[in-house]
N, C-alpha and C. Protein backbone atom coordinates (compact mmCIF):
# COMPACT_ATOMS: atom_id res chain seq x y z
N MET A 1 33.24 203.84 90.01
CA MET A 1 31.85 203.49 89.84
C MET A 1 31.71 202.58 88.62
N ALA A 2 30.93 201.53 88.74
CA ALA A 2 30.75 200.56 87.67
C ALA A 2 29.76 201.08 86.62
N THR A 3 30.01 200.69 85.38
CA THR A 3 29.12 201.03 84.26
C THR A 3 28.42 199.76 83.79
N ALA A 4 27.10 199.77 83.79
CA ALA A 4 26.32 198.62 83.33
C ALA A 4 26.36 198.55 81.81
N ILE A 5 26.48 197.34 81.28
CA ILE A 5 26.40 197.09 79.85
C ILE A 5 25.05 196.40 79.62
N ASN A 6 24.15 197.11 78.96
CA ASN A 6 22.80 196.62 78.73
C ASN A 6 22.58 196.35 77.25
N ILE A 7 21.60 195.50 76.94
CA ILE A 7 21.22 195.27 75.55
C ILE A 7 20.64 196.57 75.01
N PRO A 8 21.24 197.14 73.95
CA PRO A 8 20.77 198.41 73.41
C PRO A 8 19.56 198.23 72.48
N GLN A 9 18.78 199.27 72.35
CA GLN A 9 17.69 199.27 71.38
C GLN A 9 18.25 199.87 70.09
N LEU A 10 18.44 199.04 69.08
CA LEU A 10 19.10 199.45 67.84
C LEU A 10 18.12 199.92 66.78
N GLY A 11 16.85 199.71 67.00
CA GLY A 11 15.82 200.17 66.07
C GLY A 11 14.54 200.41 66.85
N MET A 12 13.67 201.22 66.29
CA MET A 12 12.44 201.58 67.03
C MET A 12 11.59 200.37 67.39
N SER A 13 11.60 199.34 66.54
CA SER A 13 10.74 198.18 66.79
C SER A 13 11.46 197.05 67.53
N MET A 14 12.74 197.24 67.81
CA MET A 14 13.51 196.18 68.48
C MET A 14 13.07 196.02 69.93
N GLU A 15 12.75 194.78 70.30
CA GLU A 15 12.36 194.47 71.67
C GLU A 15 13.32 193.48 72.33
N ARG A 16 13.99 192.65 71.50
CA ARG A 16 14.88 191.61 72.01
C ARG A 16 16.08 191.47 71.10
N GLY A 17 17.16 190.91 71.62
CA GLY A 17 18.35 190.64 70.83
C GLY A 17 19.06 189.42 71.38
N THR A 18 19.80 188.75 70.51
CA THR A 18 20.55 187.56 70.90
C THR A 18 22.03 187.92 71.04
N LEU A 19 22.61 187.58 72.17
CA LEU A 19 24.03 187.75 72.41
C LEU A 19 24.73 186.60 71.69
N VAL A 20 25.25 186.88 70.51
CA VAL A 20 25.84 185.83 69.67
C VAL A 20 27.20 185.40 70.19
N GLU A 21 28.07 186.38 70.48
CA GLU A 21 29.44 186.04 70.86
C GLU A 21 30.08 187.18 71.66
N TRP A 22 30.76 186.81 72.73
CA TRP A 22 31.61 187.76 73.44
C TRP A 22 32.96 187.79 72.75
N PHE A 23 33.54 188.96 72.55
CA PHE A 23 34.88 189.10 71.99
C PHE A 23 35.91 189.33 73.08
N VAL A 24 35.47 189.32 74.33
CA VAL A 24 36.34 189.49 75.50
C VAL A 24 35.98 188.41 76.51
N ALA A 25 36.87 188.17 77.46
CA ALA A 25 36.61 187.20 78.52
C ALA A 25 36.34 187.93 79.83
N ASP A 26 35.66 187.24 80.73
CA ASP A 26 35.38 187.80 82.05
C ASP A 26 36.70 188.17 82.73
N GLY A 27 36.78 189.40 83.22
CA GLY A 27 37.97 189.88 83.90
C GLY A 27 38.98 190.58 83.00
N ASP A 28 38.72 190.59 81.68
CA ASP A 28 39.61 191.30 80.75
C ASP A 28 39.55 192.80 80.96
N THR A 29 40.64 193.48 80.65
CA THR A 29 40.65 194.93 80.60
C THR A 29 40.23 195.34 79.19
N VAL A 30 39.24 196.22 79.11
CA VAL A 30 38.75 196.70 77.80
C VAL A 30 38.95 198.21 77.71
N ASN A 31 39.01 198.69 76.48
CA ASN A 31 39.17 200.12 76.22
C ASN A 31 37.90 200.69 75.63
N GLU A 32 37.64 201.94 75.93
CA GLU A 32 36.49 202.63 75.34
C GLU A 32 36.58 202.53 73.82
N GLY A 33 35.48 202.11 73.19
CA GLY A 33 35.43 201.98 71.74
C GLY A 33 35.82 200.61 71.22
N GLN A 34 36.33 199.75 72.10
CA GLN A 34 36.69 198.38 71.71
C GLN A 34 35.42 197.56 71.52
N VAL A 35 35.37 196.75 70.46
CA VAL A 35 34.22 195.87 70.23
C VAL A 35 34.26 194.77 71.29
N ILE A 36 33.14 194.61 72.03
CA ILE A 36 33.13 193.62 73.11
C ILE A 36 32.18 192.45 72.87
N TYR A 37 31.15 192.65 72.04
CA TYR A 37 30.26 191.52 71.74
C TYR A 37 29.51 191.73 70.44
N LEU A 38 28.93 190.63 69.95
CA LEU A 38 28.12 190.63 68.74
C LEU A 38 26.67 190.41 69.13
N LEU A 39 25.81 191.31 68.70
CA LEU A 39 24.38 191.27 69.00
C LEU A 39 23.60 191.05 67.72
N GLU A 40 22.69 190.08 67.75
CA GLU A 40 21.86 189.78 66.58
C GLU A 40 20.41 190.15 66.88
N THR A 41 19.80 190.88 65.94
CA THR A 41 18.37 191.17 66.02
C THR A 41 17.68 190.40 64.92
N ASP A 42 16.38 190.60 64.78
CA ASP A 42 15.66 189.89 63.71
C ASP A 42 16.07 190.37 62.32
N LYS A 43 16.80 191.47 62.24
CA LYS A 43 17.19 192.03 60.94
C LYS A 43 18.68 191.99 60.66
N VAL A 44 19.54 192.26 61.64
CA VAL A 44 20.98 192.38 61.40
C VAL A 44 21.79 191.91 62.60
N GLU A 45 23.12 191.79 62.37
CA GLU A 45 24.07 191.57 63.45
C GLU A 45 24.87 192.85 63.63
N ASN A 46 25.13 193.23 64.87
CA ASN A 46 25.87 194.46 65.17
C ASN A 46 26.98 194.16 66.16
N GLU A 47 28.16 194.74 65.89
CA GLU A 47 29.25 194.68 66.86
C GLU A 47 29.06 195.85 67.83
N ILE A 48 29.03 195.54 69.12
CA ILE A 48 28.77 196.55 70.14
C ILE A 48 30.08 196.90 70.84
N GLU A 49 30.33 198.21 70.96
CA GLU A 49 31.57 198.71 71.55
C GLU A 49 31.39 199.04 73.03
N SER A 50 32.50 199.01 73.73
CA SER A 50 32.52 199.38 75.13
C SER A 50 32.37 200.90 75.26
N PRO A 51 31.49 201.35 76.16
CA PRO A 51 31.32 202.80 76.34
C PRO A 51 32.41 203.43 77.21
N VAL A 52 33.14 202.59 77.96
CA VAL A 52 34.18 203.09 78.88
C VAL A 52 35.34 202.09 78.91
N SER A 53 36.45 202.51 79.51
CA SER A 53 37.59 201.62 79.74
C SER A 53 37.53 201.07 81.15
N GLY A 54 38.01 199.84 81.33
CA GLY A 54 38.05 199.23 82.66
C GLY A 54 38.07 197.72 82.57
N VAL A 55 37.76 197.06 83.68
CA VAL A 55 37.73 195.61 83.75
C VAL A 55 36.28 195.16 83.60
N ILE A 56 36.06 194.22 82.66
CA ILE A 56 34.69 193.78 82.37
C ILE A 56 34.34 192.51 83.14
N HIS A 57 33.12 192.47 83.63
CA HIS A 57 32.59 191.31 84.34
C HIS A 57 31.32 190.87 83.60
N LEU A 58 31.39 189.71 82.97
CA LEU A 58 30.30 189.23 82.12
C LEU A 58 29.23 188.51 82.93
N SER A 59 27.97 188.73 82.55
CA SER A 59 26.87 187.98 83.15
C SER A 59 25.96 187.39 82.07
N GLY A 60 25.99 187.97 80.87
CA GLY A 60 25.20 187.46 79.76
C GLY A 60 25.83 186.21 79.17
N VAL A 61 24.98 185.33 78.66
CA VAL A 61 25.42 184.04 78.13
C VAL A 61 25.28 184.03 76.61
N GLU A 62 26.34 183.61 75.93
CA GLU A 62 26.30 183.51 74.47
C GLU A 62 25.15 182.60 74.04
N GLY A 63 24.45 183.00 72.99
CA GLY A 63 23.34 182.22 72.45
C GLY A 63 22.00 182.52 73.09
N GLU A 64 22.00 183.28 74.17
CA GLU A 64 20.75 183.62 74.86
C GLU A 64 20.13 184.89 74.27
N GLU A 65 18.80 184.94 74.30
CA GLU A 65 18.07 186.12 73.83
C GLU A 65 17.67 186.95 75.06
N TYR A 66 17.86 188.27 74.95
CA TYR A 66 17.57 189.17 76.07
C TYR A 66 16.68 190.32 75.61
N ASP A 67 15.86 190.80 76.53
CA ASP A 67 15.05 191.99 76.28
C ASP A 67 15.95 193.22 76.23
N VAL A 68 15.55 194.22 75.46
CA VAL A 68 16.26 195.50 75.43
C VAL A 68 16.35 196.03 76.86
N GLY A 69 17.51 196.51 77.24
CA GLY A 69 17.71 197.07 78.58
C GLY A 69 18.24 196.09 79.60
N THR A 70 18.28 194.80 79.25
CA THR A 70 18.78 193.78 80.19
C THR A 70 20.29 193.96 80.38
N LYS A 71 20.74 193.93 81.63
CA LYS A 71 22.15 194.04 81.94
C LYS A 71 22.84 192.71 81.63
N ILE A 72 23.90 192.77 80.80
CA ILE A 72 24.63 191.57 80.43
C ILE A 72 26.09 191.60 80.88
N ALA A 73 26.54 192.74 81.39
CA ALA A 73 27.92 192.87 81.87
C ALA A 73 28.04 194.16 82.67
N GLU A 74 29.21 194.31 83.27
CA GLU A 74 29.51 195.52 84.04
C GLU A 74 31.00 195.81 83.86
N ILE A 75 31.34 197.08 83.78
CA ILE A 75 32.74 197.48 83.65
C ILE A 75 33.10 198.35 84.85
N ASP A 76 34.15 197.92 85.58
CA ASP A 76 34.65 198.69 86.74
C ASP A 76 35.76 199.59 86.29
């Protein structure tokens, strides 16, 4: 079963975040706890870790701003 990777809500007032950089490529095998992307909010930048191990399929684009909860990748 695939696991969706969504933009997390990192603070109570956070509504949007910018996907600054992917640290993995589409089709890479990732491990649970591995940092997979950098997310920027209006206050800070955060390295976001993979919640599971598997093969990642990217859909989010670097430099784009997304609403909290938007799916930006999937891990099989």
